[in-house]
Amino acid sequence: MASLGQIIFCSMITLIILFSALIILILSLALTGSTPSVMSSNKKPIANLGQDGLLRCYLNTAGENPIINRVSVTWEKKGLTGLVYKYVDGAVDLKDQNPQFKGRTQGFPGSLVRGNGSLLLRVVRSSDEGEYTCSISSSEGRGSVNIQLRTAAFSAPTFKFSNGTLFAEARRWFPEPNVTWSDHDGHILQGSTNFTQNSAGIFSVVSVLRSANISDTYTYRIENNLVIALSRATISGSEVSANTYFIYNAASSLLASTYLGIMTSVLCIYYLT
């Protein structure tokens, strides 16, 4: 039986954490008020190596369709001399651009009147990973936001079925992933997987599931610390139909606080019993 002191202690800890989550929520809502601020819908994007990546940045203003005048946008990267991208006085200004980004950046001048200062980074490299700052100045206000770009390589697998064996191949993964097979009921199945790394450090993943049954559906999961690819593959005769979707690692501080509050409550219940 828990004492009165134990009950009060656990109740206070739970309330403190829940109030912290509430404060974070209030602050985030305040940023969407009438005072203009620079924001990003994704502060920790994951870009696929060798493909184009979008760094989202916009000036949040009051009204549904604001028209913003005298807009300038500057993108910088922490620890790097020179600029990543700049738009000022109605034109792109790249005279101070770092050579690493030459010919690889594109803004959206036509959308600047709506506050869109996002940047398209072409053919992403591993050296592009790091912290970027987007700064916007306009007739409506000014501000900046930091965005942490992470890079990875990931691709959807292709499937083949032959003589009772289901084959899966995904040609581009980095960092090195883990692989799991499961049946339609979620039971883990024993497969065999080989990894081949090329000169650029990218892994090709080939996995085999033996004793697969025609008309059955299997789930194939490839994951590392940044990206998860979930595929559902259904065998129909000698053909395999599959669909894949990706999940990216991007937990928010609010979710973390809420989770911590829930876990604390659970631990307190366990402790009091």
C-alpha atoms as a PDB file:
ATOM      1  CA  MET A   1       0.000   0.000   0.000  1.00  0.00           C
ATOM      2  CA  ALA A   2       1.463   3.370  -1.001  1.00  0.00           C
ATOM      3  CA  SER A   3       1.911   6.086   1.586  1.00  0.00           C
ATOM      4  CA  LEU A   4       0.397   9.563   1.270  1.00  0.00           C
ATOM      5  CA  GLY A   5       3.861  11.004   0.593  1.00  0.00           C
ATOM      6  CA  GLN A   6       4.449   8.619  -2.313  1.00  0.00           C
ATOM      7  CA  ILE A   7       1.101   9.509  -3.857  1.00  0.00           C
ATOM      8  CA  ILE A   8       1.787  13.261  -3.574  1.00  0.00           C
ATOM      9  CA  PHE A   9       5.304  12.865  -4.997  1.00  0.00           C
ATOM     10  CA  CYS A  10       4.159  10.938  -8.092  1.00  0.00           C
ATOM     11  CA  SER A  11       1.249  13.302  -8.656  1.00  0.00           C
ATOM     12  CA  MET A  12       3.556  16.332  -8.579  1.00  0.00           C
ATOM     13  CA  ILE A  13       6.047  14.791 -11.042  1.00  0.00           C
ATOM     14  CA  THR A  14       3.265  13.883 -13.479  1.00  0.00           C
ATOM     15  CA  LEU A  15       1.741  17.372 -13.280  1.00  0.00           C
ATOM     16  CA  ILE A  16       5.107  19.057 -13.860  1.00  0.00           C
ATOM     17  CA  ILE A  17       5.736  17.046 -17.037  1.00  0.00           C
ATOM     18  CA  LEU A  18       2.209  17.569 -18.356  1.00  0.00           C
ATOM     19  CA  PHE A  19       2.459  21.311 -17.695  1.00  0.00           C
ATOM     20  CA  SER A  20       5.777  21.350 -19.592  1.00  0.00           C
ATOM     21  CA  ALA A  21       4.087  19.759 -22.616  1.00  0.00           C
ATOM     22  CA  LEU A  22       1.276  22.308 -22.340  1.00  0.00           C
ATOM     23  CA  ILE A  23       3.753  25.205 -22.315  1.00  0.00           C
ATOM     24  CA  ILE A  24       5.434  23.841 -25.469  1.00  0.00           C
ATOM     25  CA  LEU A  25       2.037  23.624 -27.149  1.00  0.00           C
ATOM     26  CA  ILE A  26       1.113  27.193 -26.141  1.00  0.00           C
ATOM     27  CA  LEU A  27       4.431  28.535 -27.453  1.00  0.00           C
ATOM     28  CA  SER A  28       4.022  26.733 -30.772  1.00  0.00           C
ATOM     29  CA  LEU A  29       0.494  28.120 -31.152  1.00  0.00           C
ATOM     30  CA  ALA A  30       1.718  31.600 -30.305  1.00  0.00           C
ATOM     31  CA  LEU A  31       4.088  31.468 -33.265  1.00  0.00           C
ATOM     32  CA  THR A  32       1.119  31.106 -35.575  1.00  0.00           C
ATOM     33  CA  GLY A  33      -0.529  34.272 -34.303  1.00  0.00           C
ATOM     34  CA  SER A  34      -0.685  37.679 -35.958  1.00  0.00           C
ATOM     35  CA  THR A  35       3.012  38.498 -35.470  1.00  0.00           C
ATOM     36  CA  PRO A  36       4.996  37.376 -38.546  1.00  0.00           C
ATOM     37  CA  SER A  37       7.627  34.726 -37.925  1.00  0.00           C
ATOM     38  CA  VAL A  38       9.855  32.514 -40.039  1.00  0.00           C
ATOM     39  CA  MET A  39       8.944  28.855 -39.744  1.00  0.00           C
ATOM     40  CA  SER A  40       9.580  25.451 -41.272  1.00  0.00           C
ATOM     41  CA  SER A  41       7.154  22.564 -41.554  1.00  0.00           C
ATOM     42  CA  ASN A  42      10.087  20.158 -41.273  1.00  0.00           C
ATOM     43  CA  LYS A  43      13.107  21.198 -39.209  1.00  0.00           C
ATOM     44  CA  LYS A  44      14.843  17.818 -39.531  1.00  0.00           C
ATOM     45  CA  PRO A  45      14.376  16.721 -43.148  1.00  0.00           C
ATOM     46  CA  ILE A  46      16.012  13.584 -44.526  1.00  0.00           C
ATOM     47  CA  ALA A  47      17.294  13.879 -48.093  1.00  0.00           C
ATOM     48  CA  ASN A  48      17.945  10.894 -50.331  1.00  0.00           C
ATOM     49  CA  LEU A  49      21.555  10.920 -51.540  1.00  0.00           C
ATOM     50  CA  GLY A  50      21.846  11.615 -55.257  1.00  0.00           C
ATOM     51  CA  GLN A  51      18.324  13.026 -55.456  1.00  0.00           C
ATOM     52  CA  ASP A  52      16.880  16.512 -54.922  1.00  0.00           C
ATOM     53  CA  GLY A  53      15.997  17.631 -51.400  1.00  0.00           C
ATOM     54  CA  LEU A  54      13.663  20.408 -50.259  1.00  0.00           C
ATOM     55  CA  LEU A  55      14.442  22.642 -47.274  1.00  0.00           C
ATOM     56  CA  ARG A  56      11.151  24.235 -46.247  1.00  0.00           C
ATOM     57  CA  CYS A  57      11.073  27.815 -44.990  1.00  0.00           C
ATOM     58  CA  TYR A  58       8.304  30.382 -45.020  1.00  0.00           C
ATOM     59  CA  LEU A  59       7.188  33.644 -43.438  1.00  0.00           C
ATOM     60  CA  ASN A  60       4.051  33.017 -41.429  1.00  0.00           C
ATOM     61  CA  THR A  61       1.717  36.028 -41.572  1.00  0.00           C
ATOM     62  CA  ALA A  62      -1.877  36.845 -40.702  1.00  0.00           C
ATOM     63  CA  GLY A  63      -4.544  36.345 -43.355  1.00  0.00           C
ATOM     64  CA  GLU A  64      -5.257  33.524 -45.789  1.00  0.00           C
ATOM     65  CA  ASN A  65      -3.633  35.071 -48.892  1.00  0.00           C
ATOM     66  CA  PRO A  66      -1.202  37.791 -47.833  1.00  0.00           C
ATOM     67  CA  ILE A  67       0.780  39.708 -50.429  1.00  0.00           C
ATOM     68  CA  ILE A  68       4.288  40.383 -49.130  1.00  0.00           C
ATOM     69  CA  ASN A  69       6.525  43.082 -50.579  1.00  0.00           C
ATOM     70  CA  ARG A  70      10.269  43.759 -50.549  1.00  0.00           C
ATOM     71  CA  VAL A  71      11.172  40.152 -49.770  1.00  0.00           C
ATOM     72  CA  SER A  72      14.762  38.949 -49.407  1.00  0.00           C
ATOM     73  CA  VAL A  73      15.853  35.420 -48.506  1.00  0.00           C
ATOM     74  CA  THR A  74      19.276  34.216 -47.384  1.00  0.00           C
ATOM     75  CA  TRP A  75      20.349  30.622 -46.794  1.00  0.00           C
ATOM     76  CA  GLU A  76      23.534  29.832 -44.856  1.00  0.00           C
ATOM     77  CA  LYS A  77      25.152  26.633 -43.607  1.00  0.00           C
ATOM     78  CA  LYS A  78      26.807  26.409 -40.202  1.00  0.00           C
ATOM     79  CA  GLY A  79      30.598  26.085 -40.374  1.00  0.00           C
ATOM     80  CA  LEU A  80      30.736  26.995 -44.064  1.00  0.00           C
ATOM     81  CA  THR A  81      32.173  30.201 -45.512  1.00  0.00           C
ATOM     82  CA  GLY A  82      30.061  32.002 -48.063  1.00  0.00           C
ATOM     83  CA  LEU A  83      26.342  31.639 -48.685  1.00  0.00           C
ATOM     84  CA  VAL A  84      24.219  28.751 -49.848  1.00  0.00           C
ATOM     85  CA  TYR A  85      21.665  30.929 -51.651  1.00  0.00           C
ATOM     86  CA  LYS A  86      20.443  34.522 -51.670  1.00  0.00           C
ATOM     87  CA  TYR A  87      17.548  36.407 -53.235  1.00  0.00           C
ATOM     88  CA  VAL A  88      17.432  40.184 -52.812  1.00  0.00           C
ATOM     89  CA  ASP A  89      16.083  43.228 -54.678  1.00  0.00           C
ATOM     90  CA  GLY A  90      14.005  41.069 -56.998  1.00  0.00           C
ATOM     91  CA  ALA A  91      16.870  38.872 -58.236  1.00  0.00           C
ATOM     92  CA  VAL A  92      19.025  35.902 -57.277  1.00  0.00           C
ATOM     93  CA  ASP A  93      22.433  36.984 -55.940  1.00  0.00           C
ATOM     94  CA  LEU A  94      25.027  34.199 -55.909  1.00  0.00           C
ATOM     95  CA  LYS A  95      28.263  36.190 -55.974  1.00  0.00           C
ATOM     96  CA  ASP A  96      29.112  35.050 -52.426  1.00  0.00           C
ATOM     97  CA  GLN A  97      27.888  31.462 -52.885  1.00  0.00           C
ATOM     98  CA  ASN A  98      30.128  28.700 -51.576  1.00  0.00           C
ATOM     99  CA  PRO A  99      31.510  26.588 -54.478  1.00  0.00           C
ATOM    100  CA  GLN A 100      30.009  23.431 -52.917  1.00  0.00           C
ATOM    101  CA  PHE A 101      26.545  24.629 -53.977  1.00  0.00           C
ATOM    102  CA  LYS A 102      27.342  26.075 -57.397  1.00  0.00           C
ATOM    103  CA  GLY A 103      24.609  25.100 -59.874  1.00  0.00           C
ATOM    104  CA  ARG A 104      22.773  23.065 -57.214  1.00  0.00           C
ATOM    105  CA  THR A 105      20.367  25.535 -55.563  1.00  0.00           C
ATOM    106  CA  GLN A 106      16.973  26.789 -56.654  1.00  0.00           C
ATOM    107  CA  GLY A 107      14.601  29.129 -54.855  1.00  0.00           C
ATOM    108  CA  PHE A 108      10.986  29.936 -55.645  1.00  0.00           C
ATOM    109  CA  PRO A 109      10.886  33.656 -56.540  1.00  0.00           C
ATOM    110  CA  GLY A 110       7.325  33.407 -57.840  1.00  0.00           C
ATOM    111  CA  SER A 111       6.133  32.265 -54.403  1.00  0.00           C
ATOM    112  CA  LEU A 112       8.005  34.850 -52.339  1.00  0.00           C
ATOM    113  CA  VAL A 113       4.994  37.189 -52.372  1.00  0.00           C
ATOM    114  CA  ARG A 114       3.266  34.447 -50.348  1.00  0.00           C
ATOM    115  CA  GLY A 115       6.209  34.164 -47.955  1.00  0.00           C
ATOM    116  CA  ASN A 116       7.692  30.966 -49.394  1.00  0.00           C
ATOM    117  CA  GLY A 117      11.476  31.079 -48.983  1.00  0.00           C
ATOM    118  CA  SER A 118      12.082  27.336 -49.416  1.00  0.00           C
ATOM    119  CA  LEU A 119      15.200  26.038 -51.128  1.00  0.00           C
ATOM    120  CA  LEU A 120      15.561  23.106 -53.527  1.00  0.00           C
ATOM    121  CA  LEU A 121      18.957  21.430 -53.193  1.00  0.00           C
ATOM    122  CA  ARG A 122      19.790  19.362 -56.258  1.00  0.00           C
ATOM    123  CA  VAL A 123      21.671  16.037 -56.300  1.00  0.00           C
ATOM    124  CA  VAL A 124      22.178  15.867 -52.535  1.00  0.00           C
ATOM    125  CA  ARG A 125      25.612  14.816 -51.293  1.00  0.00           C
ATOM    126  CA  SER A 126      26.669  13.491 -47.892  1.00  0.00           C
ATOM    127  CA  SER A 127      28.679  16.709 -47.412  1.00  0.00           C
ATOM    128  CA  ASP A 128      25.394  18.671 -47.552  1.00  0.00           C
ATOM    129  CA  GLU A 129      24.401  17.277 -44.165  1.00  0.00           C
ATOM    130  CA  GLY A 130      24.364  19.864 -41.394  1.00  0.00           C
ATOM    131  CA  GLU A 131      22.567  22.875 -39.958  1.00  0.00           C
ATOM    132  CA  TYR A 132      21.125  25.502 -42.285  1.00  0.00           C
ATOM    133  CA  THR A 133      19.693  28.916 -41.421  1.00  0.00           C
ATOM    134  CA  CYS A 134      16.929  30.459 -43.505  1.00  0.00           C
ATOM    135  CA  SER A 135      16.520  34.212 -42.994  1.00  0.00           C
ATOM    136  CA  ILE A 136      13.638  36.187 -44.502  1.00  0.00           C
ATOM    137  CA  SER A 137      13.188  39.945 -44.488  1.00  0.00           C
ATOM    138  CA  SER A 138      10.085  41.636 -45.885  1.00  0.00           C
ATOM    139  CA  SER A 139       7.554  44.425 -45.506  1.00  0.00           C
ATOM    140  CA  GLU A 140       5.651  42.197 -43.077  1.00  0.00           C
ATOM    141  CA  GLY A 141       8.546  41.371 -40.784  1.00  0.00           C
ATOM    142  CA  ARG A 142      11.722  39.384 -40.535  1.00  0.00           C
ATOM    143  CA  GLY A 143      13.193  36.376 -38.801  1.00  0.00           C
ATOM    144  CA  SER A 144      15.113  33.157 -39.229  1.00  0.00           C
ATOM    145  CA  VAL A 145      14.796  29.450 -38.589  1.00  0.00           C
ATOM    146  CA  ASN A 146      17.392  26.668 -38.255  1.00  0.00           C
ATOM    147  CA  ILE A 147      16.962  23.447 -40.189  1.00  0.00           C
ATOM    148  CA  GLN A 148      19.017  20.288 -39.583  1.00  0.00           C
ATOM    149  CA  LEU A 149      19.465  18.409 -42.856  1.00  0.00           C
ATOM    150  CA  ARG A 150      20.186  14.703 -42.567  1.00  0.00           C
ATOM    151  CA  THR A 151      21.209  12.515 -45.484  1.00  0.00           C
ATOM    152  CA  ALA A 152      20.610   8.850 -46.208  1.00  0.00           C
ATOM    153  CA  ALA A 153      20.213   6.512 -49.153  1.00  0.00           C
ATOM    154  CA  PHE A 154      17.006   4.508 -49.461  1.00  0.00           C
ATOM    155  CA  SER A 155      15.036   2.809 -52.196  1.00  0.00           C
ATOM    156  CA  ALA A 156      11.979   0.602 -52.521  1.00  0.00           C
ATOM    157  CA  PRO A 157      12.704  -3.104 -53.014  1.00  0.00           C
ATOM    158  CA  THR A 158      11.719  -5.120 -56.062  1.00  0.00           C
ATOM    159  CA  PHE A 159      10.354  -8.650 -55.654  1.00  0.00           C
ATOM    160  CA  LYS A 160      10.547 -11.918 -57.611  1.00  0.00           C
ATOM    161  CA  PHE A 161       9.096 -15.358 -56.898  1.00  0.00           C
ATOM    162  CA  SER A 162      10.512 -18.620 -58.205  1.00  0.00           C
ATOM    163  CA  ASN A 163      10.246 -22.251 -57.062  1.00  0.00           C
ATOM    164  CA  GLY A 164       8.789 -21.413 -53.662  1.00  0.00           C
ATOM    165  CA  THR A 165      11.360 -18.672 -52.916  1.00  0.00           C
ATOM    166  CA  LEU A 166      10.570 -14.971 -52.601  1.00  0.00           C
ATOM    167  CA  PHE A 167      13.439 -12.632 -53.534  1.00  0.00           C
ATOM    168  CA  ALA A 168      13.712  -8.948 -52.551  1.00  0.00           C
ATOM    169  CA  GLU A 169      16.362  -6.504 -53.776  1.00  0.00           C
ATOM    170  CA  ALA A 170      16.860  -2.883 -52.679  1.00  0.00           C
ATOM    171  CA  ARG A 171      19.828  -1.296 -54.436  1.00  0.00           C
ATOM    172  CA  ARG A 172      20.454   1.862 -52.399  1.00  0.00           C
ATOM    173  CA  TRP A 173      20.639   1.994 -48.594  1.00  0.00           C
ATOM    174  CA  PHE A 174      22.805   3.958 -46.168  1.00  0.00           C
ATOM    175  CA  PRO A 175      23.508   3.691 -43.267  1.00  0.00           C
ATOM    176  CA  GLU A 176      23.497  -0.119 -43.314  1.00  0.00           C
ATOM    177  CA  PRO A 177      19.953  -1.306 -42.554  1.00  0.00           C
ATOM    178  CA  ASN A 178      18.352  -4.216 -40.744  1.00  0.00           C
ATOM    179  CA  VAL A 179      15.926  -6.527 -42.566  1.00  0.00           C
ATOM    180  CA  THR A 180      12.854  -8.361 -41.236  1.00  0.00           C
ATOM    181  CA  TRP A 181      10.328 -10.681 -42.919  1.00  0.00           C
ATOM    182  CA  SER A 182       6.915 -11.396 -41.421  1.00  0.00           C
ATOM    183  CA  ASP A 183       3.699 -13.117 -42.492  1.00  0.00           C
ATOM    184  CA  HIS A 184       0.217 -11.590 -42.716  1.00  0.00           C
ATOM    185  CA  ASP A 185      -0.336 -12.266 -39.003  1.00  0.00           C
ATOM    186  CA  GLY A 186       2.845 -10.418 -38.016  1.00  0.00           C
ATOM    187  CA  HIS A 187       4.867 -13.513 -37.119  1.00  0.00           C
ATOM    188  CA  ILE A 188       8.588 -13.050 -37.773  1.00  0.00           C
ATOM    189  CA  LEU A 189       9.957 -15.357 -40.472  1.00  0.00           C
ATOM    190  CA  GLN A 190      13.493 -16.587 -41.011  1.00  0.00           C
ATOM    191  CA  GLY A 191      15.048 -15.089 -44.143  1.00  0.00           C
ATOM    192  CA  SER A 192      18.627 -14.712 -45.331  1.00  0.00           C
ATOM    193  CA  THR A 193      20.108 -11.360 -46.359  1.00  0.00           C
ATOM    194  CA  ASN A 194      23.324 -10.266 -48.062  1.00  0.00           C
ATOM    195  CA  PHE A 195      24.760  -6.732 -48.095  1.00  0.00           C
ATOM    196  CA  THR A 196      27.098  -5.455 -50.818  1.00  0.00           C
ATOM    197  CA  GLN A 197      28.766  -2.047 -50.422  1.00  0.00           C
ATOM    198  CA  ASN A 198      29.961  -0.048 -53.428  1.00  0.00           C
ATOM    199  CA  SER A 199      32.846   2.439 -53.626  1.00  0.00           C
ATOM    200  CA  ALA A 200      30.570   5.277 -52.460  1.00  0.00           C
ATOM    201  CA  GLY A 201      29.632   3.337 -49.318  1.00  0.00           C
ATOM    202  CA  ILE A 202      26.056   2.635 -50.444  1.00  0.00           C
ATOM    203  CA  PHE A 203      24.648  -0.808 -49.620  1.00  0.00           C
ATOM    204  CA  SER A 204      22.768  -3.090 -51.987  1.00  0.00           C
ATOM    205  CA  VAL A 205      20.438  -5.370 -50.015  1.00  0.00           C
ATOM    206  CA  VAL A 206      19.386  -8.767 -51.363  1.00  0.00           C
ATOM    207  CA  SER A 207      17.132 -10.899 -49.172  1.00  0.00           C
ATOM    208  CA  VAL A 208      15.580 -14.333 -49.673  1.00  0.00           C
ATOM    209  CA  LEU A 209      12.556 -15.925 -48.024  1.00  0.00           C
ATOM    210  CA  ARG A 210      12.291 -19.646 -48.670  1.00  0.00           C
ATOM    211  CA  SER A 211       9.136 -21.771 -48.487  1.00  0.00           C
ATOM    212  CA  ALA A 212       6.911 -18.857 -49.462  1.00  0.00           C
ATOM    213  CA  ASN A 213       3.363 -19.776 -50.442  1.00  0.00           C
ATOM    214  CA  ILE A 214       1.385 -18.732 -53.494  1.00  0.00           C
ATOM    215  CA  SER A 215      -1.503 -16.335 -52.680  1.00  0.00           C
ATOM    216  CA  ASP A 216       0.055 -15.365 -49.345  1.00  0.00           C
ATOM    217  CA  THR A 217       1.037 -11.810 -48.411  1.00  0.00           C
ATOM    218  CA  TYR A 218       4.346 -11.032 -46.709  1.00  0.00           C
ATOM    219  CA  THR A 219       5.704  -7.894 -45.054  1.00  0.00           C
ATOM    220  CA  TYR A 220       9.281  -6.928 -45.788  1.00  0.00           C
ATOM    221  CA  ARG A 221      10.849  -4.277 -43.538  1.00  0.00           C
ATOM    222  CA  ILE A 222      14.142  -2.466 -44.193  1.00  0.00           C
ATOM    223  CA  GLU A 223      15.230   0.070 -41.583  1.00  0.00           C
ATOM    224  CA  ASN A 224      18.109   2.093 -40.235  1.00  0.00           C
ATOM    225  CA  ASN A 225      18.161   4.930 -37.709  1.00  0.00           C
ATOM    226  CA  LEU A 226      16.772   7.429 -40.264  1.00  0.00           C
ATOM    227  CA  VAL A 227      14.357   5.651 -42.594  1.00  0.00           C
ATOM    228  CA  ILE A 228      12.020   2.651 -42.543  1.00  0.00           C
ATOM    229  CA  ALA A 229      10.676   1.060 -45.738  1.00  0.00           C
ATOM    230  CA  LEU A 230       7.635  -1.185 -45.285  1.00  0.00           C
ATOM    231  CA  SER A 231       6.588  -3.374 -48.210  1.00  0.00           C
ATOM    232  CA  ARG A 232       3.604  -5.687 -48.522  1.00  0.00           C
ATOM    233  CA  ALA A 233       4.219  -8.297 -51.196  1.00  0.00           C
ATOM    234  CA  THR A 234       1.463 -10.653 -52.412  1.00  0.00           C
ATOM    235  CA  ILE A 235       2.333 -13.705 -54.495  1.00  0.00           C
ATOM    236  CA  SER A 236      -0.051 -14.477 -57.380  1.00  0.00           C
ATOM    237  CA  GLY A 237       1.160 -17.417 -59.416  1.00  0.00           C
ATOM    238  CA  SER A 238       4.647 -16.507 -60.623  1.00  0.00           C
ATOM    239  CA  GLU A 239       4.001 -12.764 -60.173  1.00  0.00           C
ATOM    240  CA  VAL A 240       4.466 -10.575 -57.113  1.00  0.00           C
ATOM    241  CA  SER A 241       2.498  -7.390 -56.516  1.00  0.00           C
ATOM    242  CA  ALA A 242       3.924  -5.057 -53.893  1.00  0.00           C
ATOM    243  CA  ASN A 243       3.505  -1.602 -52.438  1.00  0.00           C
ATOM    244  CA  THR A 244       6.031   0.241 -50.299  1.00  0.00           C
ATOM    245  CA  TYR A 245       5.842   3.302 -48.088  1.00  0.00           C
ATOM    246  CA  PHE A 246       8.561   5.113 -46.160  1.00  0.00           C
ATOM    247  CA  ILE A 247       8.611   6.333 -42.555  1.00  0.00           C
ATOM    248  CA  TYR A 248      11.113   9.034 -41.562  1.00  0.00           C
ATOM    249  CA  ASN A 249      12.609   9.584 -38.116  1.00  0.00           C
ATOM    250  CA  ALA A 250      11.396  13.038 -37.033  1.00  0.00           C
ATOM    251  CA  ALA A 251       9.972  12.999 -33.455  1.00  0.00           C
ATOM    252  CA  SER A 252       8.935  16.395 -32.086  1.00  0.00           C
ATOM    253  CA  SER A 253       9.748  17.733 -28.619  1.00  0.00           C
ATOM    254  CA  LEU A 254       6.021  17.912 -27.874  1.00  0.00           C
ATOM    255  CA  LEU A 255       5.560  14.241 -28.657  1.00  0.00           C
ATOM    256  CA  ALA A 256       8.605  13.435 -26.543  1.00  0.00           C
ATOM    257  CA  SER A 257       7.209  15.395 -23.604  1.00  0.00           C
ATOM    258  CA  THR A 258       3.794  13.755 -23.934  1.00  0.00           C
ATOM    259  CA  TYR A 259       5.417  10.312 -24.122  1.00  0.00           C
ATOM    260  CA  LEU A 260       7.524  11.086 -21.066  1.00  0.00           C
ATOM    261  CA  GLY A 261       4.409  12.172 -19.177  1.00  0.00           C
ATOM    262  CA  ILE A 262       2.591   8.958 -20.065  1.00  0.00           C
ATOM    263  CA  MET A 263       5.581   6.814 -19.109  1.00  0.00           C
ATOM    264  CA  THR A 264       5.966   8.656 -15.801  1.00  0.00           C
ATOM    265  CA  SER A 265       2.305   8.027 -14.997  1.00  0.00           C
ATOM    266  CA  VAL A 266       2.722   4.349 -15.789  1.00  0.00           C
ATOM    267  CA  LEU A 267       5.842   4.098 -13.612  1.00  0.00           C
ATOM    268  CA  CYS A 268       4.076   5.879 -10.760  1.00  0.00           C
ATOM    269  CA  ILE A 269       1.130   3.486 -10.958  1.00  0.00           C
ATOM    270  CA  TYR A 270       3.564   0.561 -10.902  1.00  0.00           C
ATOM    271  CA  TYR A 271       5.507   2.113  -8.005  1.00  0.00           C
ATOM    272  CA  LEU A 272       2.403   2.794  -5.943  1.00  0.00           C
ATOM    273  CA  THR A 273       1.165  -0.737  -6.351  1.00  0.00           C
END
